[in-house]
Amino acid sequence: MTRDQYQTVKEIADCLKVSETTVRGWIKGGELRAIEIGKGWRIPDRDPDTFLCSHATPSRVVPGSDHGSETGRERGA
């Protein structure tokens, strides 16, 4: 048995500032890994980071920029 620490659906929802329904939808859709224990779901501590990385938008590269992902707004233009 692993020694992972687990969070509840409510804890994940509060952390990400989304509803518990949204988190349950991610679980049921297979996007967020969870373990069903009793009447509730438990999410291993490492899995929300994996989930967020898989949903991150790619960096934008501005043609002719030396800074790669820097856009006009980020440069203060």
C-alpha atoms as a PDB file:
ATOM      1  CA  MET A   1       0.000   0.000   0.000  1.00  0.00           C
ATOM      2  CA  THR A   2       1.302   3.455  -0.896  1.00  0.00           C
ATOM      3  CA  ARG A   3       1.817   6.190   1.651  1.00  0.00           C
ATOM      4  CA  ASP A   4       0.278   8.972  -0.429  1.00  0.00           C
ATOM      5  CA  GLN A   5      -1.588  11.772   1.272  1.00  0.00           C
ATOM      6  CA  TYR A   6      -5.081  12.435  -0.053  1.00  0.00           C
ATOM      7  CA  GLN A   7      -7.396  15.396  -0.425  1.00  0.00           C
ATOM      8  CA  THR A   8     -11.177  15.484  -0.601  1.00  0.00           C
ATOM      9  CA  VAL A   9     -13.211  16.829  -3.501  1.00  0.00           C
ATOM     10  CA  LYS A  10     -14.050  19.874  -1.352  1.00  0.00           C
ATOM     11  CA  GLU A  11     -10.377  20.568  -0.608  1.00  0.00           C
ATOM     12  CA  ILE A  12      -9.480  20.407  -4.316  1.00  0.00           C
ATOM     13  CA  ALA A  13     -12.462  22.587  -5.249  1.00  0.00           C
ATOM     14  CA  ASP A  14     -11.538  25.194  -2.627  1.00  0.00           C
ATOM     15  CA  CYS A  15      -7.895  25.223  -3.726  1.00  0.00           C
ATOM     16  CA  LEU A  16      -8.765  25.684  -7.417  1.00  0.00           C
ATOM     17  CA  LYS A  17     -11.734  27.991  -6.713  1.00  0.00           C
ATOM     18  CA  VAL A  18     -14.195  25.819  -8.630  1.00  0.00           C
ATOM     19  CA  SER A  19     -17.309  23.956  -7.529  1.00  0.00           C
ATOM     20  CA  GLU A  20     -17.287  20.456  -6.116  1.00  0.00           C
ATOM     21  CA  THR A  21     -19.492  19.482  -9.070  1.00  0.00           C
ATOM     22  CA  THR A  22     -16.736  20.582 -11.455  1.00  0.00           C
ATOM     23  CA  VAL A  23     -14.148  18.462  -9.628  1.00  0.00           C
ATOM     24  CA  ARG A  24     -16.478  15.443  -9.655  1.00  0.00           C
ATOM     25  CA  GLY A  25     -16.982  15.961 -13.388  1.00  0.00           C
ATOM     26  CA  TRP A  26     -13.226  15.877 -13.938  1.00  0.00           C
ATOM     27  CA  ILE A  27     -13.050  12.658 -11.923  1.00  0.00           C
ATOM     28  CA  LYS A  28     -15.949  10.986 -13.748  1.00  0.00           C
ATOM     29  CA  GLY A  29     -14.546  12.138 -17.097  1.00  0.00           C
ATOM     30  CA  GLY A  30     -11.195  10.523 -16.316  1.00  0.00           C
ATOM     31  CA  GLU A  31      -9.310  13.833 -16.327  1.00  0.00           C
ATOM     32  CA  LEU A  32      -8.484  13.794 -12.604  1.00  0.00           C
ATOM     33  CA  ARG A  33      -7.445  10.553 -10.962  1.00  0.00           C
ATOM     34  CA  ALA A  34      -9.228   9.713  -7.705  1.00  0.00           C
ATOM     35  CA  ILE A  35     -10.003   6.803  -5.433  1.00  0.00           C
ATOM     36  CA  GLU A  36     -13.532   6.158  -4.223  1.00  0.00           C
ATOM     37  CA  ILE A  37     -13.502   5.476  -0.496  1.00  0.00           C
ATOM     38  CA  GLY A  38     -16.866   4.939   1.133  1.00  0.00           C
ATOM     39  CA  LYS A  39     -19.230   7.620  -0.148  1.00  0.00           C
ATOM     40  CA  GLY A  40     -16.516  10.070  -1.163  1.00  0.00           C
ATOM     41  CA  TRP A  41     -13.606  10.511  -3.503  1.00  0.00           C
ATOM     42  CA  ARG A  42      -9.999  11.004  -2.429  1.00  0.00           C
ATOM     43  CA  ILE A  43      -7.417  12.574  -4.711  1.00  0.00           C
ATOM     44  CA  PRO A  44      -3.702  11.789  -4.186  1.00  0.00           C
ATOM     45  CA  ASP A  45      -1.694  14.962  -3.437  1.00  0.00           C
ATOM     46  CA  ARG A  46       0.479  14.605  -6.544  1.00  0.00           C
ATOM     47  CA  ASP A  47      -2.439  14.305  -8.988  1.00  0.00           C
ATOM     48  CA  PRO A  48      -3.798  17.890  -8.992  1.00  0.00           C
ATOM     49  CA  ASP A  49      -0.381  19.117 -10.216  1.00  0.00           C
ATOM     50  CA  THR A  50      -0.390  16.534 -12.998  1.00  0.00           C
ATOM     51  CA  PHE A  51      -3.961  17.539 -13.891  1.00  0.00           C
ATOM     52  CA  LEU A  52      -3.083  21.242 -14.012  1.00  0.00           C
ATOM     53  CA  CYS A  53       0.001  20.646 -16.158  1.00  0.00           C
ATOM     54  CA  SER A  54      -2.049  18.663 -18.650  1.00  0.00           C
ATOM     55  CA  HIS A  55      -4.577  21.524 -18.897  1.00  0.00           C
ATOM     56  CA  ALA A  56      -2.100  24.403 -19.130  1.00  0.00           C
ATOM     57  CA  THR A  57      -2.092  26.453 -22.296  1.00  0.00           C
ATOM     58  CA  PRO A  58       1.163  26.450 -24.229  1.00  0.00           C
ATOM     59  CA  SER A  59       3.425  29.501 -24.074  1.00  0.00           C
ATOM     60  CA  ARG A  60       3.022  31.908 -26.953  1.00  0.00           C
ATOM     61  CA  VAL A  61       6.082  32.744 -28.997  1.00  0.00           C
ATOM     62  CA  VAL A  62       6.009  36.245 -30.443  1.00  0.00           C
ATOM     63  CA  PRO A  63       7.830  36.357 -33.780  1.00  0.00           C
ATOM     64  CA  GLY A  64      10.911  38.594 -33.617  1.00  0.00           C
ATOM     65  CA  SER A  65      10.948  38.657 -29.826  1.00  0.00           C
ATOM     66  CA  ASP A  66      14.086  37.767 -27.889  1.00  0.00           C
ATOM     67  CA  HIS A  67      11.972  36.750 -24.891  1.00  0.00           C
ATOM     68  CA  GLY A  68      10.063  33.792 -26.340  1.00  0.00           C
ATOM     69  CA  SER A  69       6.668  33.891 -24.642  1.00  0.00           C
ATOM     70  CA  GLU A  70       6.614  37.602 -23.827  1.00  0.00           C
ATOM     71  CA  THR A  71       3.722  39.496 -25.405  1.00  0.00           C
ATOM     72  CA  GLY A  72       3.127  43.225 -25.765  1.00  0.00           C
ATOM     73  CA  ARG A  73       0.975  43.333 -22.648  1.00  0.00           C
ATOM     74  CA  GLU A  74       3.666  41.631 -20.568  1.00  0.00           C
ATOM     75  CA  ARG A  75       6.298  44.123 -21.817  1.00  0.00           C
ATOM     76  CA  GLY A  76       4.069  47.023 -20.805  1.00  0.00           C
ATOM     77  CA  ALA A  77       3.241  48.044 -24.376  1.00  0.00           C
END
